[in-house]
Amino acid sequence: MGDEEVTAASPSCFYCSQSPTPGTSGGSSLPVNPKQKKKKKKKKKKKKKKKKKKKKKKKKKKKKKKKKKKKKKKKKKKLPGSCNHVAHYPC
C-alpha cells in the first residue's frame, strides 16, 4: 500500500510535495526549474505571435513584388538588344 502511494504521487505531485518543505538540498533546486520553464514559455509565446504576424505581412508583400519583377525581367531577357527577331537567338 505504501509503495503504491509513493509511485502514484511522485509524478503527479512531485513539485507540490517539495515546494512547501524547506528541508533537503534538492528542495531548493526544484522550485527554480519550474519558474524558469514558466518564464521561457511565456516569452516564447509572445515572440511567436509577433513574428508570425510580421512574417505573414512581409511574405504577402514580397510575393506580390517578386511576381511583378519576374515578369519584367523575362521581357527584358527576351530582347537581346537591337533586334528581337527569333532568328537572331543563338540556340
N, C-alpha and C. Protein backbone atom coordinates (compact mmCIF):
# COMPACT_ATOMS: atom_id res chain seq x y z
N MET A 1 0.83 -1.20 0.00
CA MET A 1 0.00 0.00 0.00
C MET A 1 0.87 1.26 0.00
N GLY A 2 1.93 1.24 0.86
CA GLY A 2 2.78 2.43 0.96
C GLY A 2 3.56 2.68 -0.33
N ASP A 3 4.04 1.60 -0.97
CA ASP A 3 4.81 1.76 -2.19
C ASP A 3 3.94 2.31 -3.32
N GLU A 4 2.70 1.85 -3.38
CA GLU A 4 1.80 2.29 -4.45
C GLU A 4 1.52 3.79 -4.34
N GLU A 5 1.35 4.28 -3.10
CA GLU A 5 1.05 5.70 -2.92
C GLU A 5 2.24 6.56 -3.36
N VAL A 6 3.44 6.11 -3.06
CA VAL A 6 4.62 6.89 -3.41
C VAL A 6 4.78 6.97 -4.93
N THR A 7 4.58 5.86 -5.62
CA THR A 7 4.76 5.84 -7.07
C THR A 7 3.68 6.66 -7.76
N ALA A 8 2.46 6.67 -7.19
CA ALA A 8 1.36 7.40 -7.82
C ALA A 8 1.50 8.90 -7.55
N ALA A 9 2.06 9.28 -6.39
CA ALA A 9 2.14 10.69 -6.03
C ALA A 9 3.39 11.36 -6.59
N SER A 10 4.46 10.60 -6.83
CA SER A 10 5.72 11.21 -7.26
C SER A 10 5.63 11.91 -8.63
N PRO A 11 5.02 11.32 -9.66
CA PRO A 11 4.98 12.02 -10.94
C PRO A 11 3.96 13.16 -10.98
N SER A 12 2.82 12.98 -10.30
CA SER A 12 1.75 13.98 -10.39
C SER A 12 1.98 15.13 -9.41
N CYS A 13 2.39 14.85 -8.19
CA CYS A 13 2.51 15.88 -7.15
C CYS A 13 3.97 15.99 -6.67
N PHE A 14 4.91 15.86 -7.56
CA PHE A 14 6.32 15.88 -7.16
C PHE A 14 6.73 17.29 -6.72
N TYR A 15 6.38 18.31 -7.53
CA TYR A 15 6.74 19.69 -7.20
C TYR A 15 5.95 20.20 -5.99
N CYS A 16 4.67 19.82 -5.92
CA CYS A 16 3.83 20.28 -4.81
C CYS A 16 4.35 19.75 -3.48
N SER A 17 4.84 18.52 -3.45
CA SER A 17 5.31 17.93 -2.21
C SER A 17 6.67 18.52 -1.81
N GLN A 18 7.45 19.00 -2.77
CA GLN A 18 8.79 19.52 -2.46
C GLN A 18 8.77 21.02 -2.16
N SER A 19 7.87 21.78 -2.77
CA SER A 19 7.88 23.23 -2.60
C SER A 19 7.57 23.68 -1.17
N PRO A 20 6.57 23.11 -0.46
CA PRO A 20 6.30 23.57 0.90
C PRO A 20 7.37 23.16 1.90
N THR A 21 8.15 22.10 1.59
CA THR A 21 9.17 21.62 2.52
C THR A 21 10.48 22.34 2.26
N PRO A 22 10.98 23.15 3.23
CA PRO A 22 12.23 23.86 3.05
C PRO A 22 13.46 22.98 3.26
N GLY A 23 13.27 21.76 3.78
CA GLY A 23 14.40 20.88 4.09
C GLY A 23 14.99 20.24 2.84
N THR A 24 16.13 19.59 2.99
CA THR A 24 16.88 18.89 1.93
C THR A 24 17.47 19.88 0.91
N SER A 25 18.62 19.53 0.36
CA SER A 25 19.30 20.41 -0.59
C SER A 25 18.61 20.36 -1.95
N GLY A 26 17.98 19.23 -2.27
CA GLY A 26 17.31 19.09 -3.56
C GLY A 26 16.05 19.94 -3.64
N GLY A 27 15.45 20.25 -2.50
CA GLY A 27 14.21 21.04 -2.49
C GLY A 27 14.43 22.45 -3.00
N SER A 28 15.61 23.02 -2.79
CA SER A 28 15.86 24.39 -3.22
C SER A 28 16.02 24.48 -4.73
N SER A 29 16.55 23.44 -5.36
CA SER A 29 16.78 23.48 -6.80
C SER A 29 15.49 23.17 -7.58
N LEU A 30 14.57 22.44 -6.98
CA LEU A 30 13.33 22.08 -7.68
C LEU A 30 12.46 23.29 -8.01
N PRO A 31 12.16 24.21 -7.08
CA PRO A 31 11.29 25.34 -7.41
C PRO A 31 11.92 26.29 -8.43
N VAL A 32 13.23 26.27 -8.58
CA VAL A 32 13.88 27.15 -9.55
C VAL A 32 13.59 26.68 -10.97
N ASN A 33 13.58 25.37 -11.20
CA ASN A 33 13.33 24.85 -12.54
C ASN A 33 11.94 25.20 -13.08
N PRO A 34 10.86 24.97 -12.35
CA PRO A 34 9.54 25.32 -12.88
C PRO A 34 9.37 26.80 -13.13
N LYS A 35 10.00 27.64 -12.32
CA LYS A 35 9.92 29.08 -12.53
C LYS A 35 10.58 29.46 -13.85
N GLN A 36 11.75 28.91 -14.11
CA GLN A 36 12.45 29.21 -15.36
C GLN A 36 11.67 28.72 -16.56
N LYS A 37 11.09 27.53 -16.45
CA LYS A 37 10.32 26.98 -17.55
C LYS A 37 9.11 27.85 -17.85
N LYS A 38 8.41 28.30 -16.81
CA LYS A 38 7.23 29.14 -16.99
C LYS A 38 7.60 30.45 -17.68
N LYS A 39 8.67 31.09 -17.27
CA LYS A 39 9.09 32.35 -17.88
C LYS A 39 9.45 32.15 -19.34
N LYS A 40 10.18 31.10 -19.65
CA LYS A 40 10.58 30.84 -21.03
C LYS A 40 9.35 30.60 -21.91
N LYS A 41 8.39 29.86 -21.40
CA LYS A 41 7.18 29.56 -22.17
C LYS A 41 6.43 30.85 -22.49
N LYS A 42 6.29 31.73 -21.50
CA LYS A 42 5.57 32.98 -21.72
C LYS A 42 6.29 33.84 -22.77
N LYS A 43 7.59 33.96 -22.67
CA LYS A 43 8.35 34.77 -23.61
C LYS A 43 8.26 34.19 -25.02
N LYS A 44 8.36 32.89 -25.14
CA LYS A 44 8.30 32.24 -26.45
C LYS A 44 6.94 32.49 -27.11
N LYS A 45 5.87 32.39 -26.33
CA LYS A 45 4.53 32.59 -26.88
C LYS A 45 4.39 34.01 -27.42
N LYS A 46 4.86 35.00 -26.67
CA LYS A 46 4.75 36.39 -27.11
C LYS A 46 5.57 36.61 -28.38
N LYS A 47 6.80 36.12 -28.42
CA LYS A 47 7.66 36.31 -29.58
C LYS A 47 7.08 35.63 -30.81
N LYS A 48 6.54 34.43 -30.63
CA LYS A 48 5.99 33.69 -31.76
C LYS A 48 4.82 34.45 -32.37
N LYS A 49 3.95 34.99 -31.53
CA LYS A 49 2.79 35.72 -32.05
C LYS A 49 3.25 36.93 -32.85
N LYS A 50 4.19 37.69 -32.34
CA LYS A 50 4.67 38.88 -33.04
C LYS A 50 5.36 38.50 -34.34
N LYS A 51 6.21 37.49 -34.31
CA LYS A 51 6.93 37.08 -35.51
C LYS A 51 5.98 36.57 -36.58
N LYS A 52 4.99 35.80 -36.20
CA LYS A 52 4.04 35.25 -37.16
C LYS A 52 3.31 36.37 -37.89
N LYS A 53 2.87 37.39 -37.16
CA LYS A 53 2.14 38.49 -37.77
C LYS A 53 3.05 39.24 -38.75
N LYS A 54 4.25 39.53 -38.34
CA LYS A 54 5.17 40.27 -39.20
C LYS A 54 5.56 39.46 -40.43
N LYS A 55 5.85 38.19 -40.24
CA LYS A 55 6.26 37.33 -41.35
C LYS A 55 5.14 37.21 -42.38
N LYS A 56 3.91 37.04 -41.93
CA LYS A 56 2.79 36.90 -42.85
C LYS A 56 2.64 38.16 -43.70
N LYS A 57 2.73 39.32 -43.09
CA LYS A 57 2.59 40.56 -43.83
C LYS A 57 3.73 40.73 -44.83
N LYS A 58 4.96 40.48 -44.39
CA LYS A 58 6.11 40.64 -45.25
C LYS A 58 6.07 39.65 -46.41
N LYS A 59 5.72 38.41 -46.13
CA LYS A 59 5.67 37.39 -47.18
C LYS A 59 4.67 37.76 -48.26
N LYS A 60 3.50 38.24 -47.87
CA LYS A 60 2.48 38.60 -48.84
C LYS A 60 2.98 39.74 -49.73
N LYS A 61 3.59 40.74 -49.13
CA LYS A 61 4.10 41.88 -49.90
C LYS A 61 5.24 41.44 -50.82
N LYS A 62 6.15 40.64 -50.32
CA LYS A 62 7.29 40.19 -51.12
C LYS A 62 6.83 39.35 -52.30
N LYS A 63 5.87 38.47 -52.08
CA LYS A 63 5.39 37.62 -53.16
C LYS A 63 4.81 38.45 -54.29
N LYS A 64 4.05 39.47 -53.96
CA LYS A 64 3.45 40.32 -54.99
C LYS A 64 4.54 41.05 -55.77
N LYS A 65 5.52 41.59 -55.07
CA LYS A 65 6.60 42.33 -55.73
C LYS A 65 7.44 41.39 -56.60
N LYS A 66 7.74 40.21 -56.10
CA LYS A 66 8.56 39.26 -56.85
C LYS A 66 7.87 38.86 -58.15
N LYS A 67 6.58 38.65 -58.11
CA LYS A 67 5.85 38.25 -59.32
C LYS A 67 5.95 39.35 -60.38
N LYS A 68 5.79 40.60 -59.96
CA LYS A 68 5.88 41.70 -60.91
C LYS A 68 7.30 41.82 -61.48
N LYS A 69 8.29 41.69 -60.63
CA LYS A 69 9.68 41.81 -61.08
C LYS A 69 10.03 40.68 -62.04
N LYS A 70 9.59 39.48 -61.75
CA LYS A 70 9.89 38.34 -62.62
C LYS A 70 9.32 38.56 -64.02
N LYS A 71 8.12 39.08 -64.10
CA LYS A 71 7.51 39.32 -65.41
C LYS A 71 8.32 40.35 -66.19
N LYS A 72 8.76 41.41 -65.52
CA LYS A 72 9.55 42.44 -66.18
C LYS A 72 10.90 41.88 -66.64
N LYS A 73 11.54 41.09 -65.79
CA LYS A 73 12.85 40.53 -66.13
C LYS A 73 12.73 39.60 -67.33
N LYS A 74 11.69 38.81 -67.40
CA LYS A 74 11.52 37.89 -68.52
C LYS A 74 11.39 38.66 -69.83
N LYS A 75 10.68 39.76 -69.80
CA LYS A 75 10.50 40.56 -71.01
C LYS A 75 11.85 41.15 -71.45
N LYS A 76 12.64 41.61 -70.48
CA LYS A 76 13.94 42.19 -70.80
C LYS A 76 14.89 41.14 -71.37
N LYS A 77 14.85 39.94 -70.83
CA LYS A 77 15.73 38.88 -71.31
C LYS A 77 15.39 38.48 -72.74
N LYS A 78 14.14 38.54 -73.12
CA LYS A 78 13.74 38.17 -74.48
C LYS A 78 14.31 39.15 -75.50
N LEU A 79 14.53 40.41 -75.09
CA LEU A 79 15.10 41.39 -76.02
C LEU A 79 16.63 41.32 -75.94
N PRO A 80 17.31 40.83 -76.97
CA PRO A 80 18.77 40.75 -76.95
C PRO A 80 19.44 42.12 -77.05
N GLY A 81 18.78 43.12 -77.56
CA GLY A 81 19.38 44.45 -77.66
C GLY A 81 18.71 45.26 -78.76
N SER A 82 19.18 45.13 -79.99
CA SER A 82 18.65 45.93 -81.09
C SER A 82 17.51 45.20 -81.80
N CYS A 83 17.64 43.90 -81.94
CA CYS A 83 16.65 43.13 -82.70
C CYS A 83 16.02 42.05 -81.81
N ASN A 84 14.70 41.93 -81.85
CA ASN A 84 14.03 40.92 -81.05
C ASN A 84 13.52 39.78 -81.93
N HIS A 85 14.13 39.59 -83.10
CA HIS A 85 13.71 38.55 -84.03
C HIS A 85 14.15 37.18 -83.52
N VAL A 86 13.34 36.15 -83.70
CA VAL A 86 13.65 34.81 -83.20
C VAL A 86 14.86 34.23 -83.92
N ALA A 87 15.09 34.60 -85.15
CA ALA A 87 16.19 34.04 -85.93
C ALA A 87 17.55 34.48 -85.39
N HIS A 88 17.62 35.61 -84.68
CA HIS A 88 18.89 36.10 -84.15
C HIS A 88 19.30 35.44 -82.84
N TYR A 89 18.40 34.64 -82.24
CA TYR A 89 18.72 33.99 -80.96
C TYR A 89 19.71 32.85 -81.18
N PRO A 90 20.85 32.83 -80.45
CA PRO A 90 21.82 31.72 -80.57
C PRO A 90 21.31 30.48 -79.83
N CYS A 91 21.04 29.43 -80.55
CA CYS A 91 20.46 28.24 -79.94
C CYS A 91 21.50 27.49 -79.12
